[in-house]
C-alpha cells in the first residue's frame, strides 16, 4: 500500500493521475514551466491570510 489505508492510497493515485493529465496538457502547449522562486511561500502566505 502507498498510504495508511485504502482511502489514502486512492487519493494518492487520483493525485498522480491528475498530475499526469496536467503534464500532458502542458506538453501540448509548449511544455511545463517551473514556478518562480518564492511562489510556494507566497501562495501559502495568501492562504493563511485568507483563512485567518
PDB file of N, CA and C in Angstrom:
ATOM      1  N   UNK A   1       0.837  -1.190   0.000  1.00  0.00           N
ATOM      2  CA  UNK A   1       0.000   0.000   0.000  1.00  0.00           C
ATOM      3  C   UNK A   1       0.880   1.251   0.000  1.00  0.00           C
ATOM      4  N   UNK A   2       0.321   2.346  -0.476  1.00  0.00           N
ATOM      5  CA  UNK A   2       1.053   3.605  -0.553  1.00  0.00           C
ATOM      6  C   UNK A   2       0.431   4.656   0.351  1.00  0.00           C
ATOM      7  N   UNK A   3      -0.116   4.243   1.454  1.00  0.00           N
ATOM      8  CA  UNK A   3      -0.727   5.151   2.410  1.00  0.00           C
ATOM      9  C   UNK A   3      -1.148   4.358   3.626  1.00  0.00           C
ATOM     10  N   UNK A   4      -1.648   5.057   4.646  1.00  0.00           N
ATOM     11  CA  UNK A   4      -2.023   4.361   5.872  1.00  0.00           C
ATOM     12  C   UNK A   4      -3.277   3.494   5.720  1.00  0.00           C
ATOM     13  N   UNK A   5      -4.079   3.760   4.674  1.00  0.00           N
ATOM     14  CA  UNK A   5      -5.285   2.961   4.453  1.00  0.00           C
ATOM     15  C   UNK A   5      -5.663   3.034   2.974  1.00  0.00           C
ATOM     16  N   UNK A   6      -6.686   2.299   2.597  1.00  0.00           N
ATOM     17  CA  UNK A   6      -7.097   2.245   1.192  1.00  0.00           C
ATOM     18  C   UNK A   6      -7.544   3.601   0.664  1.00  0.00           C
ATOM     19  N   UNK A   7      -8.240   4.372   1.480  1.00  0.00           N
ATOM     20  CA  UNK A   7      -8.720   5.682   1.035  1.00  0.00           C
ATOM     21  C   UNK A   7      -7.557   6.618   0.741  1.00  0.00           C
ATOM     22  N   UNK A   8      -6.557   6.633   1.603  1.00  0.00           N
ATOM     23  CA  UNK A   8      -5.388   7.484   1.383  1.00  0.00           C
ATOM     24  C   UNK A   8      -4.652   7.058   0.117  1.00  0.00           C
ATOM     25  N   UNK A   9      -4.552   5.762  -0.110  1.00  0.00           N
ATOM     26  CA  UNK A   9      -3.906   5.260  -1.311  1.00  0.00           C
ATOM     27  C   UNK A   9      -4.688   5.687  -2.545  1.00  0.00           C
ATOM     28  N   UNK A  10      -6.004   5.602  -2.493  1.00  0.00           N
ATOM     29  CA  UNK A  10      -6.840   6.020  -3.619  1.00  0.00           C
ATOM     30  C   UNK A  10      -6.663   7.505  -3.902  1.00  0.00           C
ATOM     31  N   UNK A  11      -6.606   8.338  -2.871  1.00  0.00           N
ATOM     32  CA  UNK A  11      -6.392   9.777  -3.052  1.00  0.00           C
ATOM     33  C   UNK A  11      -5.042  10.037  -3.714  1.00  0.00           C
ATOM     34  N   UNK A  12      -4.025   9.297  -3.314  1.00  0.00           N
ATOM     35  CA  UNK A  12      -2.701   9.450  -3.913  1.00  0.00           C
ATOM     36  C   UNK A  12      -2.724   9.077  -5.391  1.00  0.00           C
ATOM     37  N   UNK A  13      -3.385   7.980  -5.714  1.00  0.00           N
ATOM     38  CA  UNK A  13      -3.469   7.540  -7.105  1.00  0.00           C
ATOM     39  C   UNK A  13      -4.198   8.586  -7.950  1.00  0.00           C
ATOM     40  N   UNK A  14      -5.276   9.152  -7.426  1.00  0.00           N
ATOM     41  CA  UNK A  14      -6.009  10.195  -8.154  1.00  0.00           C
ATOM     42  C   UNK A  14      -5.129  11.420  -8.357  1.00  0.00           C
ATOM     43  N   UNK A  15      -4.385  11.826  -7.337  1.00  0.00           N
ATOM     44  CA  UNK A  15      -3.497  12.984  -7.459  1.00  0.00           C
ATOM     45  C   UNK A  15      -2.420  12.738  -8.504  1.00  0.00           C
ATOM     46  N   UNK A  16      -1.867  11.542  -8.540  1.00  0.00           N
ATOM     47  CA  UNK A  16      -0.846  11.206  -9.539  1.00  0.00           C
ATOM     48  C   UNK A  16      -1.457  11.244 -10.940  1.00  0.00           C
ATOM     49  N   UNK A  17      -2.661  10.709 -11.100  1.00  0.00           N
ATOM     50  CA  UNK A  17      -3.333  10.713 -12.397  1.00  0.00           C
ATOM     51  C   UNK A  17      -3.620  12.142 -12.860  1.00  0.00           C
ATOM     52  N   UNK A  18      -4.093  12.991 -11.961  1.00  0.00           N
ATOM     53  CA  UNK A  18      -4.377  14.377 -12.319  1.00  0.00           C
ATOM     54  C   UNK A  18      -3.093  15.127 -12.679  1.00  0.00           C
ATOM     55  N   UNK A  19      -2.022  14.831 -11.978  1.00  0.00           N
ATOM     56  CA  UNK A  19      -0.738  15.451 -12.300  1.00  0.00           C
ATOM     57  C   UNK A  19      -0.254  15.027 -13.677  1.00  0.00           C
ATOM     58  N   UNK A  20      -0.429  13.756 -14.000  1.00  0.00           N
ATOM     59  CA  UNK A  20      -0.030  13.263 -15.318  1.00  0.00           C
ATOM     60  C   UNK A  20      -0.848  13.935 -16.413  1.00  0.00           C
ATOM     61  N   UNK A  21      -2.151  14.097 -16.192  1.00  0.00           N
ATOM     62  CA  UNK A  21      -3.001  14.767 -17.169  1.00  0.00           C
ATOM     63  C   UNK A  21      -2.555  16.220 -17.372  1.00  0.00           C
ATOM     64  N   UNK A  22      -2.219  16.894 -16.295  1.00  0.00           N
ATOM     65  CA  UNK A  22      -1.758  18.286 -16.390  1.00  0.00           C
ATOM     66  C   UNK A  22      -0.434  18.366 -17.156  1.00  0.00           C
ATOM     67  N   UNK A  23       0.453  17.430 -16.925  1.00  0.00           N
ATOM     68  CA  UNK A  23       1.740  17.410 -17.627  1.00  0.00           C
ATOM     69  C   UNK A  23       1.539  17.185 -19.121  1.00  0.00           C
ATOM     70  N   UNK A  24       0.639  16.287 -19.476  1.00  0.00           N
ATOM     71  CA  UNK A  24       0.345  16.026 -20.887  1.00  0.00           C
ATOM     72  C   UNK A  24      -0.281  17.259 -21.533  1.00  0.00           C
ATOM     73  N   UNK A  25      -1.200  17.907 -20.834  1.00  0.00           N
ATOM     74  CA  UNK A  25      -1.834  19.117 -21.364  1.00  0.00           C
ATOM     75  C   UNK A  25      -0.799  20.226 -21.549  1.00  0.00           C
ATOM     76  N   UNK A  26       0.104  20.363 -20.604  1.00  0.00           N
ATOM     77  CA  UNK A  26       1.155  21.381 -20.717  1.00  0.00           C
ATOM     78  C   UNK A  26       2.068  21.083 -21.908  1.00  0.00           C
ATOM     79  N   UNK A  27       2.372  19.831 -22.124  1.00  0.00           N
ATOM     80  CA  UNK A  27       3.233  19.456 -23.250  1.00  0.00           C
ATOM     81  C   UNK A  27       2.589  19.851 -24.573  1.00  0.00           C
ATOM     82  N   UNK A  28       1.261  19.782 -24.628  1.00  0.00           N
ATOM     83  CA  UNK A  28       0.553  20.118 -25.861  1.00  0.00           C
ATOM     84  C   UNK A  28       0.654  21.605 -26.202  1.00  0.00           C
ATOM     85  N   UNK A  29       0.932  22.438 -25.204  1.00  0.00           N
ATOM     86  CA  UNK A  29       1.025  23.879 -25.463  1.00  0.00           C
ATOM     87  C   UNK A  29       2.426  24.423 -25.220  1.00  0.00           C
ATOM     88  N   UNK A  30       3.410  23.549 -25.316  1.00  0.00           N
ATOM     89  CA  UNK A  30       4.787  24.020 -25.232  1.00  0.00           C
ATOM     90  C   UNK A  30       5.577  23.519 -24.050  1.00  0.00           C
ATOM     91  N   UNK A  31       4.967  22.797 -23.168  1.00  0.00           N
ATOM     92  CA  UNK A  31       5.689  22.217 -22.046  1.00  0.00           C
ATOM     93  C   UNK A  31       5.457  22.938 -20.732  1.00  0.00           C
ATOM     94  N   UNK A  32       5.706  22.226 -19.681  1.00  0.00           N
ATOM     95  CA  UNK A  32       5.530  22.761 -18.332  1.00  0.00           C
ATOM     96  C   UNK A  32       6.609  23.804 -18.045  1.00  0.00           C
ATOM     97  N   UNK A  33       6.277  24.748 -17.203  1.00  0.00           N
ATOM     98  CA  UNK A  33       7.204  25.792 -16.791  1.00  0.00           C
ATOM     99  C   UNK A  33       7.259  25.778 -15.265  1.00  0.00           C
ATOM    100  N   UNK A  34       8.460  25.798 -14.717  1.00  0.00           N
ATOM    101  CA  UNK A  34       8.601  25.806 -13.262  1.00  0.00           C
ATOM    102  C   UNK A  34       8.064  27.104 -12.677  1.00  0.00           C
ATOM    103  N   UNK A  35       7.547  27.009 -11.464  1.00  0.00           N
ATOM    104  CA  UNK A  35       7.127  28.208 -10.751  1.00  0.00           C
ATOM    105  C   UNK A  35       8.363  29.025 -10.388  1.00  0.00           C
ATOM    106  N   UNK A  36       8.226  30.327 -10.317  1.00  0.00           N
ATOM    107  CA  UNK A  36       9.381  31.143  -9.947  1.00  0.00           C
ATOM    108  C   UNK A  36       9.738  30.939  -8.475  1.00  0.00           C
ATOM    109  N   UNK A  37      10.984  31.231  -8.105  1.00  0.00           N
ATOM    110  CA  UNK A  37      11.382  31.106  -6.702  1.00  0.00           C
ATOM    111  C   UNK A  37      10.452  31.937  -5.812  1.00  0.00           C
ATOM    112  N   UNK A  38      10.055  31.369  -4.696  1.00  0.00           N
ATOM    113  CA  UNK A  38       9.211  32.070  -3.736  1.00  0.00           C
ATOM    114  C   UNK A  38       7.723  31.933  -3.994  1.00  0.00           C
ATOM    115  N   UNK A  39       7.322  31.294  -5.091  1.00  0.00           N
ATOM    116  CA  UNK A  39       5.903  31.189  -5.421  1.00  0.00           C
ATOM    117  C   UNK A  39       5.139  30.373  -4.379  1.00  0.00           C
ATOM    118  N   UNK A  40       5.701  29.263  -3.952  1.00  0.00           N
ATOM    119  CA  UNK A  40       5.016  28.411  -2.979  1.00  0.00           C
ATOM    120  C   UNK A  40       4.809  29.160  -1.664  1.00  0.00           C
ATOM    121  N   UNK A  41       5.806  29.859  -1.218  1.00  0.00           N
ATOM    122  CA  UNK A  41       5.689  30.618   0.025  1.00  0.00           C
ATOM    123  C   UNK A  41       4.640  31.713  -0.107  1.00  0.00           C
ATOM    124  N   UNK A  42       4.580  32.363  -1.273  1.00  0.00           N
ATOM    125  CA  UNK A  42       3.592  33.428  -1.495  1.00  0.00           C
ATOM    126  C   UNK A  42       2.174  32.872  -1.465  1.00  0.00           C
ATOM    127  N   UNK A  43       1.981  31.709  -2.064  1.00  0.00           N
ATOM    128  CA  UNK A  43       0.650  31.090  -2.051  1.00  0.00           C
ATOM    129  C   UNK A  43       0.270  30.694  -0.631  1.00  0.00           C
ATOM    130  N   UNK A  44       1.197  30.094   0.086  1.00  0.00           N
ATOM    131  CA  UNK A  44       0.898  29.711   1.486  1.00  0.00           C
ATOM    132  C   UNK A  44       0.561  30.924   2.335  1.00  0.00           C
ATOM    133  N   UNK A  45       1.283  32.030   2.135  1.00  0.00           N
ATOM    134  CA  UNK A  45       1.007  33.257   2.892  1.00  0.00           C
ATOM    135  C   UNK A  45      -0.365  33.798   2.543  1.00  0.00           C
ATOM    136  N   UNK A  46      -0.732  33.760   1.269  1.00  0.00           N
ATOM    137  CA  UNK A  46      -2.051  34.247   0.843  1.00  0.00           C
ATOM    138  C   UNK A  46      -3.164  33.384   1.419  1.00  0.00           C
ATOM    139  N   UNK A  47      -2.960  32.083   1.451  1.00  0.00           N
ATOM    140  CA  UNK A  47      -3.961  31.169   2.023  1.00  0.00           C
ATOM    141  C   UNK A  47      -4.094  31.434   3.514  1.00  0.00           C
ATOM    142  N   UNK A  48      -2.972  31.589   4.202  1.00  0.00           N
ATOM    143  CA  UNK A  48      -3.000  31.860   5.641  1.00  0.00           C
ATOM    144  C   UNK A  48      -3.739  33.170   5.929  1.00  0.00           C
ATOM    145  N   UNK A  49      -3.494  34.172   5.121  1.00  0.00           N
ATOM    146  CA  UNK A  49      -4.155  35.458   5.304  1.00  0.00           C
ATOM    147  C   UNK A  49      -5.658  35.348   5.055  1.00  0.00           C
ATOM    148  N   UNK A  50      -6.030  34.602   4.027  1.00  0.00           N
ATOM    149  CA  UNK A  50      -7.449  34.455   3.664  1.00  0.00           C
ATOM    150  C   UNK A  50      -8.229  33.629   4.695  1.00  0.00           C
ATOM    151  N   UNK A  51      -7.552  32.716   5.351  1.00  0.00           N
ATOM    152  CA  UNK A  51      -8.240  31.846   6.310  1.00  0.00           C
ATOM    153  C   UNK A  51      -8.098  32.309   7.750  1.00  0.00           C
ATOM    154  N   UNK A  52      -7.407  33.414   7.945  1.00  0.00           N
ATOM    155  CA  UNK A  52      -7.198  33.902   9.319  1.00  0.00           C
ATOM    156  C   UNK A  52      -8.442  34.583   9.860  1.00  0.00           C
TER     157      UNK A  52
END
